[in-house]
Protein backbone atom coordinates (compact mmCIF):
# COMPACT_ATOMS: atom_id res chain seq x y z
CA UNK A 1 4.69 10.50 -10.47
CA UNK A 2 2.25 11.75 -7.83
CA UNK A 3 3.95 14.01 -5.03
CA UNK A 4 2.51 14.60 -1.64
CA UNK A 5 2.40 18.47 -0.97
CA UNK A 6 3.06 20.29 2.33
CA UNK A 7 -0.54 21.21 2.91
CA UNK A 8 -1.64 17.73 2.24
CA UNK A 9 0.86 16.44 4.97
CA UNK A 10 -0.39 19.19 7.40
CA UNK A 11 -4.06 18.13 6.86
CA UNK A 12 -3.14 14.63 8.02
CA UNK A 13 -4.45 13.64 11.58
CA UNK A 14 -1.10 12.01 12.36
CA UNK A 15 0.85 15.17 11.74
CA UNK A 16 -1.59 17.04 13.88
CA UNK A 17 -1.23 14.62 17.03
CA UNK A 18 2.63 14.90 16.55
CA UNK A 19 2.51 18.60 16.73
CA UNK A 20 0.34 18.63 19.75
CA UNK A 21 2.83 16.47 21.71
CA UNK A 22 5.71 18.08 23.30
CA UNK A 23 9.30 17.37 22.08
CA UNK A 24 11.04 14.80 24.18
CA UNK A 25 14.48 15.68 25.41
CA UNK A 26 17.03 12.99 24.01
CA UNK A 27 18.47 10.68 26.78
CA UNK A 28 21.51 10.09 24.86
CA UNK A 29 23.91 12.92 24.88
CA UNK A 30 25.05 13.25 21.20
CA UNK A 31 28.45 15.14 20.35
CA UNK A 32 28.00 17.73 17.69
CA UNK A 33 30.21 17.75 14.61
CA UNK A 34 32.07 20.82 15.72
CA UNK A 35 33.10 19.60 19.18
CA UNK A 36 34.04 16.15 17.55
CA UNK A 37 36.40 18.02 15.39
CA UNK A 38 37.63 19.97 18.14
CA UNK A 39 38.47 16.84 20.13
CA UNK A 40 40.20 15.27 17.09
CA UNK A 41 42.11 18.15 16.51
CA UNK A 42 43.33 18.45 20.02
CA UNK A 43 44.39 14.63 20.01
CA UNK A 44 46.22 15.18 16.70
CA UNK A 45 48.19 18.21 18.23
CA UNK A 46 48.60 16.45 21.76
CA UNK A 47 50.22 13.34 20.07
CA UNK A 48 52.42 15.55 17.67
CA UNK A 49 53.83 17.44 20.62
CA UNK A 50 54.12 14.26 22.27
CA UNK A 51 56.34 12.71 19.72
CA UNK A 52 58.38 15.94 19.11
CA UNK A 53 59.09 16.12 22.82
CA UNK A 54 60.35 12.32 23.33
CA UNK A 55 62.14 12.03 20.11
CA UNK A 56 63.70 15.57 19.77
């Protein structure tokens, strides 16, 4: 099985063109895993506190 080495990829003209273009800012705001975990943990704690408050 033939493998493409990193040097071969770097020599390719398309790779060079991509490196010349500036990185585009993504238009869609993505939530990172840490903040998503924090939001879910907050919702679980809030739900548990609400259940204890109204039942207890």
